[in-house]
Amino acid sequence: MFRVLKPGGFLIYSDLILPGWIAALLCHFGNDRYRFPTRTGLDRIIEDKASRVICQTTRGWFYEVILQRN
């Protein structure tokens, strides 16, 4: 998504997330941890892309963020 977003463009992203302990438990039983998004994992992706966070909310299992590409 970031690759095709023009400089100054906005990205609105919303996803369901799992608490870290549930993702770790599922990973322990042989599942790939990256298949289960966590807030920490999504925050790390956003930091790696060096985008400006306009608004970010987490309510229960819902993760929403509005980003602007630098």
PDB file of N, CA and C in Angstrom:
ATOM      1  N   MET A   1       0.817  -1.187   0.000  1.00  0.00           N
ATOM      2  CA  MET A   1       0.000   0.000   0.000  1.00  0.00           C
ATOM      3  C   MET A   1       0.865   1.257   0.000  1.00  0.00           C
ATOM      4  N   PHE A   2       1.947   1.231   0.782  1.00  0.00           N
ATOM      5  CA  PHE A   2       2.814   2.408   0.845  1.00  0.00           C
ATOM      6  C   PHE A   2       3.552   2.634  -0.470  1.00  0.00           C
ATOM      7  N   ARG A   3       3.845   1.552  -1.166  1.00  0.00           N
ATOM      8  CA  ARG A   3       4.605   1.660  -2.414  1.00  0.00           C
ATOM      9  C   ARG A   3       3.844   2.462  -3.462  1.00  0.00           C
ATOM     10  N   VAL A   4       2.528   2.338  -3.514  1.00  0.00           N
ATOM     11  CA  VAL A   4       1.752   3.011  -4.546  1.00  0.00           C
ATOM     12  C   VAL A   4       1.139   4.328  -4.064  1.00  0.00           C
ATOM     13  N   LEU A   5       1.332   4.659  -2.799  1.00  0.00           N
ATOM     14  CA  LEU A   5       0.793   5.900  -2.249  1.00  0.00           C
ATOM     15  C   LEU A   5       1.711   7.060  -2.621  1.00  0.00           C
ATOM     16  N   LYS A   6       1.160   8.102  -3.229  1.00  0.00           N
ATOM     17  CA  LYS A   6       1.999   9.226  -3.645  1.00  0.00           C
ATOM     18  C   LYS A   6       2.441  10.033  -2.422  1.00  0.00           C
ATOM     19  N   PRO A   7       3.575  10.732  -2.510  1.00  0.00           N
ATOM     20  CA  PRO A   7       4.033  11.560  -1.396  1.00  0.00           C
ATOM     21  C   PRO A   7       2.945  12.552  -0.982  1.00  0.00           C
ATOM     22  N   GLY A   8       2.705  12.641   0.318  1.00  0.00           N
ATOM     23  CA  GLY A   8       1.656  13.513   0.833  1.00  0.00           C
ATOM     24  C   GLY A   8       0.289  12.855   0.855  1.00  0.00           C
ATOM     25  N   GLY A   9       0.172  11.647   0.262  1.00  0.00           N
ATOM     26  CA  GLY A   9      -1.102  10.941   0.208  1.00  0.00           C
ATOM     27  C   GLY A   9      -1.469  10.327   1.550  1.00  0.00           C
ATOM     28  N   PHE A  10      -2.728  10.016   1.717  1.00  0.00           N
ATOM     29  CA  PHE A  10      -3.245   9.465   2.961  1.00  0.00           C
ATOM     30  C   PHE A  10      -3.622   8.001   2.800  1.00  0.00           C
ATOM     31  N   LEU A  11      -3.445   7.252   3.873  1.00  0.00           N
ATOM     32  CA  LEU A  11      -3.855   5.853   3.930  1.00  0.00           C
ATOM     33  C   LEU A  11      -4.697   5.681   5.188  1.00  0.00           C
ATOM     34  N   ILE A  12      -5.889   5.138   5.014  1.00  0.00           N
ATOM     35  CA  ILE A  12      -6.746   4.808   6.145  1.00  0.00           C
ATOM     36  C   ILE A  12      -6.734   3.293   6.260  1.00  0.00           C
ATOM     37  N   TYR A  13      -6.299   2.803   7.418  1.00  0.00           N
ATOM     38  CA  TYR A  13      -6.145   1.367   7.625  1.00  0.00           C
ATOM     39  C   TYR A  13      -6.940   0.942   8.855  1.00  0.00           C
ATOM     40  N   SER A  14      -7.699  -0.128   8.723  1.00  0.00           N
ATOM     41  CA  SER A  14      -8.485  -0.666   9.822  1.00  0.00           C
ATOM     42  C   SER A  14      -8.362  -2.181   9.786  1.00  0.00           C
ATOM     43  N   ASP A  15      -8.195  -2.793  10.949  1.00  0.00           N
ATOM     44  CA  ASP A  15      -8.012  -4.236  10.995  1.00  0.00           C
ATOM     45  C   ASP A  15      -8.435  -4.756  12.363  1.00  0.00           C
ATOM     46  N   LEU A  16      -8.686  -6.043  12.419  1.00  0.00           N
ATOM     47  CA  LEU A  16      -8.890  -6.716  13.701  1.00  0.00           C
ATOM     48  C   LEU A  16      -7.525  -7.158  14.204  1.00  0.00           C
ATOM     49  N   ILE A  17      -7.296  -7.041  15.500  1.00  0.00           N
ATOM     50  CA  ILE A  17      -6.019  -7.450  16.079  1.00  0.00           C
ATOM     51  C   ILE A  17      -6.275  -8.435  17.208  1.00  0.00           C
ATOM     52  N   LEU A  18      -5.244  -9.180  17.533  1.00  0.00           N
ATOM     53  CA  LEU A  18      -5.300 -10.094  18.667  1.00  0.00           C
ATOM     54  C   LEU A  18      -4.401  -9.563  19.772  1.00  0.00           C
ATOM     55  N   PRO A  19      -4.784  -9.767  21.010  1.00  0.00           N
ATOM     56  CA  PRO A  19      -3.846  -9.452  22.093  1.00  0.00           C
ATOM     57  C   PRO A  19      -2.574 -10.281  21.917  1.00  0.00           C
ATOM     58  N   GLY A  20      -1.438  -9.723  22.306  1.00  0.00           N
ATOM     59  CA  GLY A  20      -0.160 -10.397  22.120  1.00  0.00           C
ATOM     60  C   GLY A  20      -0.105 -11.789  22.716  1.00  0.00           C
ATOM     61  N   TRP A  21      -0.722 -11.990  23.854  1.00  0.00           N
ATOM     62  CA  TRP A  21      -0.653 -13.306  24.503  1.00  0.00           C
ATOM     63  C   TRP A  21      -1.413 -14.360  23.697  1.00  0.00           C
ATOM     64  N   ILE A  22      -2.488 -13.967  23.025  1.00  0.00           N
ATOM     65  CA  ILE A  22      -3.220 -14.925  22.187  1.00  0.00           C
ATOM     66  C   ILE A  22      -2.399 -15.274  20.952  1.00  0.00           C
ATOM     67  N   ALA A  23      -1.785 -14.254  20.333  1.00  0.00           N
ATOM     68  CA  ALA A  23      -0.937 -14.509  19.162  1.00  0.00           C
ATOM     69  C   ALA A  23       0.231 -15.417  19.541  1.00  0.00           C
ATOM     70  N   ALA A  24       0.827 -15.191  20.726  1.00  0.00           N
ATOM     71  CA  ALA A  24       1.938 -16.035  21.177  1.00  0.00           C
ATOM     72  C   ALA A  24       1.464 -17.470  21.428  1.00  0.00           C
ATOM     73  N   LEU A  25       0.284 -17.612  21.988  1.00  0.00           N
ATOM     74  CA  LEU A  25      -0.274 -18.938  22.243  1.00  0.00           C
ATOM     75  C   LEU A  25      -0.508 -19.685  20.926  1.00  0.00           C
ATOM     76  N   LEU A  26      -1.073 -18.992  19.946  1.00  0.00           N
ATOM     77  CA  LEU A  26      -1.302 -19.615  18.635  1.00  0.00           C
ATOM     78  C   LEU A  26       0.011 -19.982  17.959  1.00  0.00           C
ATOM     79  N   CYS A  27       1.014 -19.121  18.118  1.00  0.00           N
ATOM     80  CA  CYS A  27       2.338 -19.400  17.553  1.00  0.00           C
ATOM     81  C   CYS A  27       2.929 -20.649  18.200  1.00  0.00           C
ATOM     82  N   HIS A  28       2.712 -20.792  19.499  1.00  0.00           N
ATOM     83  CA  HIS A  28       3.226 -21.949  20.241  1.00  0.00           C
ATOM     84  C   HIS A  28       2.658 -23.261  19.689  1.00  0.00           C
ATOM     85  N   PHE A  29       1.463 -23.208  19.177  1.00  0.00           N
ATOM     86  CA  PHE A  29       0.829 -24.407  18.629  1.00  0.00           C
ATOM     87  C   PHE A  29       1.114 -24.617  17.149  1.00  0.00           C
ATOM     88  N   GLY A  30       2.149 -23.949  16.643  1.00  0.00           N
ATOM     89  CA  GLY A  30       2.610 -24.218  15.290  1.00  0.00           C
ATOM     90  C   GLY A  30       2.126 -23.263  14.222  1.00  0.00           C
ATOM     91  N   ASN A  31       1.373 -22.234  14.589  1.00  0.00           N
ATOM     92  CA  ASN A  31       0.914 -21.269  13.590  1.00  0.00           C
ATOM     93  C   ASN A  31       1.943 -20.163  13.422  1.00  0.00           C
ATOM     94  N   ASP A  32       2.024 -19.616  12.222  1.00  0.00           N
ATOM     95  CA  ASP A  32       2.919 -18.502  11.942  1.00  0.00           C
ATOM     96  C   ASP A  32       2.381 -17.243  12.610  1.00  0.00           C
ATOM     97  N   ARG A  33       3.166 -16.622  13.469  1.00  0.00           N
ATOM     98  CA  ARG A  33       2.717 -15.463  14.243  1.00  0.00           C
ATOM     99  C   ARG A  33       2.282 -14.299  13.347  1.00  0.00           C
ATOM    100  N   TYR A  34       2.873 -14.151  12.179  1.00  0.00           N
ATOM    101  CA  TYR A  34       2.544 -13.019  11.307  1.00  0.00           C
ATOM    102  C   TYR A  34       1.153 -13.131  10.698  1.00  0.00           C
ATOM    103  N   ARG A  35       0.518 -14.259  10.823  1.00  0.00           N
ATOM    104  CA  ARG A  35      -0.847 -14.406  10.325  1.00  0.00           C
ATOM    105  C   ARG A  35      -1.859 -13.772  11.269  1.00  0.00           C
ATOM    106  N   PHE A  36      -1.420 -13.454  12.474  1.00  0.00           N
ATOM    107  CA  PHE A  36      -2.294 -12.901  13.493  1.00  0.00           C
ATOM    108  C   PHE A  36      -1.801 -11.512  13.864  1.00  0.00           C
ATOM    109  N   PRO A  37      -2.392 -10.457  13.312  1.00  0.00           N
ATOM    110  CA  PRO A  37      -1.877  -9.116  13.584  1.00  0.00           C
ATOM    111  C   PRO A  37      -2.078  -8.716  15.048  1.00  0.00           C
ATOM    112  N   THR A  38      -1.052  -8.081  15.606  1.00  0.00           N
ATOM    113  CA  THR A  38      -1.120  -7.514  16.948  1.00  0.00           C
ATOM    114  C   THR A  38      -0.841  -6.019  16.830  1.00  0.00           C
ATOM    115  N   ARG A  39      -1.202  -5.276  17.848  1.00  0.00           N
ATOM    116  CA  ARG A  39      -0.935  -3.833  17.819  1.00  0.00           C
ATOM    117  C   ARG A  39       0.563  -3.571  17.693  1.00  0.00           C
ATOM    118  N   THR A  40       1.357  -4.312  18.436  1.00  0.00           N
ATOM    119  CA  THR A  40       2.812  -4.139  18.383  1.00  0.00           C
ATOM    120  C   THR A  40       3.333  -4.387  16.976  1.00  0.00           C
ATOM    121  N   GLY A  41       2.864  -5.437  16.331  1.00  0.00           N
ATOM    122  CA  GLY A  41       3.305  -5.750  14.976  1.00  0.00           C
ATOM    123  C   GLY A  41       2.917  -4.683  13.969  1.00  0.00           C
ATOM    124  N   LEU A  42       1.682  -4.197  14.057  1.00  0.00           N
ATOM    125  CA  LEU A  42       1.237  -3.149  13.134  1.00  0.00           C
ATOM    126  C   LEU A  42       1.973  -1.836  13.396  1.00  0.00           C
ATOM    127  N   ASP A  43       2.206  -1.501  14.664  1.00  0.00           N
ATOM    128  CA  ASP A  43       2.968  -0.288  14.986  1.00  0.00           C
ATOM    129  C   ASP A  43       4.382  -0.364  14.422  1.00  0.00           C
ATOM    130  N   ARG A  44       4.987  -1.543  14.482  1.00  0.00           N
ATOM    131  CA  ARG A  44       6.341  -1.731  13.954  1.00  0.00           C
ATOM    132  C   ARG A  44       6.369  -1.520  12.436  1.00  0.00           C
ATOM    133  N   ILE A  45       5.370  -2.016  11.740  1.00  0.00           N
ATOM    134  CA  ILE A  45       5.291  -1.825  10.286  1.00  0.00           C
ATOM    135  C   ILE A  45       5.173  -0.337   9.959  1.00  0.00           C
ATOM    136  N   ILE A  46       4.338   0.366  10.702  1.00  0.00           N
ATOM    137  CA  ILE A  46       4.154   1.804  10.470  1.00  0.00           C
ATOM    138  C   ILE A  46       5.449   2.560  10.709  1.00  0.00           C
ATOM    139  N   GLU A  47       6.170   2.224  11.771  1.00  0.00           N
ATOM    140  CA  GLU A  47       7.449   2.877  12.062  1.00  0.00           C
ATOM    141  C   GLU A  47       8.461   2.627  10.954  1.00  0.00           C
ATOM    142  N   ASP A  48       8.490   1.401  10.428  1.00  0.00           N
ATOM    143  CA  ASP A  48       9.424   1.047   9.355  1.00  0.00           C
ATOM    144  C   ASP A  48       9.164   1.853   8.085  1.00  0.00           C
ATOM    145  N   LYS A  49       7.916   2.189   7.831  1.00  0.00           N
ATOM    146  CA  LYS A  49       7.568   2.911   6.609  1.00  0.00           C
ATOM    147  C   LYS A  49       7.740   4.420   6.767  1.00  0.00           C
ATOM    148  N   ALA A  50       8.055   4.886   7.981  1.00  0.00           N
ATOM    149  CA  ALA A  50       8.318   6.297   8.253  1.00  0.00           C
ATOM    150  C   ALA A  50       7.194   7.212   7.780  1.00  0.00           C
ATOM    151  N   SER A  51       5.981   6.806   8.014  1.00  0.00           N
ATOM    152  CA  SER A  51       4.828   7.630   7.672  1.00  0.00           C
ATOM    153  C   SER A  51       4.409   8.446   8.887  1.00  0.00           C
ATOM    154  N   ARG A  52       3.752   9.531   8.638  1.00  0.00           N
ATOM    155  CA  ARG A  52       3.242  10.377   9.715  1.00  0.00           C
ATOM    156  C   ARG A  52       1.881   9.858  10.157  1.00  0.00           C
ATOM    157  N   VAL A  53       1.747   9.593  11.440  1.00  0.00           N
ATOM    158  CA  VAL A  53       0.477   9.123  11.985  1.00  0.00           C
ATOM    159  C   VAL A  53      -0.399  10.337  12.262  1.00  0.00           C
ATOM    160  N   ILE A  54      -1.534  10.412  11.586  1.00  0.00           N
ATOM    161  CA  ILE A  54      -2.482  11.505  11.778  1.00  0.00           C
ATOM    162  C   ILE A  54      -3.399  11.189  12.948  1.00  0.00           C
ATOM    163  N   CYS A  55      -3.910   9.975  12.998  1.00  0.00           N
ATOM    164  CA  CYS A  55      -4.828   9.551  14.051  1.00  0.00           C
ATOM    165  C   CYS A  55      -4.693   8.046  14.212  1.00  0.00           C
ATOM    166  N   GLN A  56      -4.681   7.581  15.461  1.00  0.00           N
ATOM    167  CA  GLN A  56      -4.565   6.154  15.710  1.00  0.00           C
ATOM    168  C   GLN A  56      -5.421   5.800  16.918  1.00  0.00           C
ATOM    169  N   THR A  57      -6.245   4.772  16.768  1.00  0.00           N
ATOM    170  CA  THR A  57      -7.078   4.318  17.879  1.00  0.00           C
ATOM    171  C   THR A  57      -7.078   2.796  17.937  1.00  0.00           C
ATOM    172  N   THR A  58      -7.181   2.296  19.133  1.00  0.00           N
ATOM    173  CA  THR A  58      -7.337   0.872  19.364  1.00  0.00           C
ATOM    174  C   THR A  58      -8.467   0.717  20.359  1.00  0.00           C
ATOM    175  N   ARG A  59      -9.503   0.037  19.943  1.00  0.00           N
ATOM    176  CA  ARG A  59     -10.650  -0.231  20.812  1.00  0.00           C
ATOM    177  C   ARG A  59     -10.909  -1.722  20.807  1.00  0.00           C
ATOM    178  N   GLY A  60     -10.632  -2.345  21.948  1.00  0.00           N
ATOM    179  CA  GLY A  60     -10.812  -3.788  22.008  1.00  0.00           C
ATOM    180  C   GLY A  60      -9.937  -4.484  20.988  1.00  0.00           C
ATOM    181  N   TRP A  61     -10.558  -5.185  20.076  1.00  0.00           N
ATOM    182  CA  TRP A  61      -9.821  -5.920  19.057  1.00  0.00           C
ATOM    183  C   TRP A  61      -9.752  -5.164  17.730  1.00  0.00           C
ATOM    184  N   PHE A  62     -10.114  -3.887  17.726  1.00  0.00           N
ATOM    185  CA  PHE A  62     -10.109  -3.080  16.500  1.00  0.00           C
ATOM    186  C   PHE A  62      -8.943  -2.107  16.508  1.00  0.00           C
ATOM    187  N   TYR A  63      -8.263  -2.034  15.378  1.00  0.00           N
ATOM    188  CA  TYR A  63      -7.107  -1.154  15.195  1.00  0.00           C
ATOM    189  C   TYR A  63      -7.402  -0.267  14.003  1.00  0.00           C
ATOM    190  N   GLU A  64      -7.328   1.032  14.202  1.00  0.00           N
ATOM    191  CA  GLU A  64      -7.581   1.983  13.105  1.00  0.00           C
ATOM    192  C   GLU A  64      -6.477   3.046  13.125  1.00  0.00           C
ATOM    193  N   VAL A  65      -6.013   3.397  11.943  1.00  0.00           N
ATOM    194  CA  VAL A  65      -4.975   4.412  11.837  1.00  0.00           C
ATOM    195  C   VAL A  65      -5.131   5.169  10.520  1.00  0.00           C
ATOM    196  N   ILE A  66      -4.859   6.460  10.565  1.00  0.00           N
ATOM    197  CA  ILE A  66      -4.799   7.300   9.359  1.00  0.00           C
ATOM    198  C   ILE A  66      -3.357   7.759   9.248  1.00  0.00           C
ATOM    199  N   LEU A  67      -2.739   7.477   8.110  1.00  0.00           N
ATOM    200  CA  LEU A  67      -1.329   7.798   7.874  1.00  0.00           C
ATOM    201  C   LEU A  67      -1.186   8.755   6.705  1.00  0.00           C
ATOM    202  N   GLN A  68      -0.115   9.520   6.740  1.00  0.00           N
ATOM    203  CA  GLN A  68       0.239  10.350   5.592  1.00  0.00           C
ATOM    204  C   GLN A  68       1.663  10.005   5.204  1.00  0.00           C
ATOM    205  N   ARG A  69       1.856   9.713   3.922  1.00  0.00           N
ATOM    206  CA  ARG A  69       3.189   9.357   3.442  1.00  0.00           C
ATOM    207  C   ARG A  69       4.066  10.600   3.402  1.00  0.00           C
ATOM    208  N   ASN A  70       5.286  10.432   3.867  1.00  0.00           N
ATOM    209  CA  ASN A  70       6.259  11.545   3.830  1.00  0.00           C
ATOM    210  C   ASN A  70       6.789  11.772   2.443  1.00  0.00           C
TER     211      ASN A  70
END
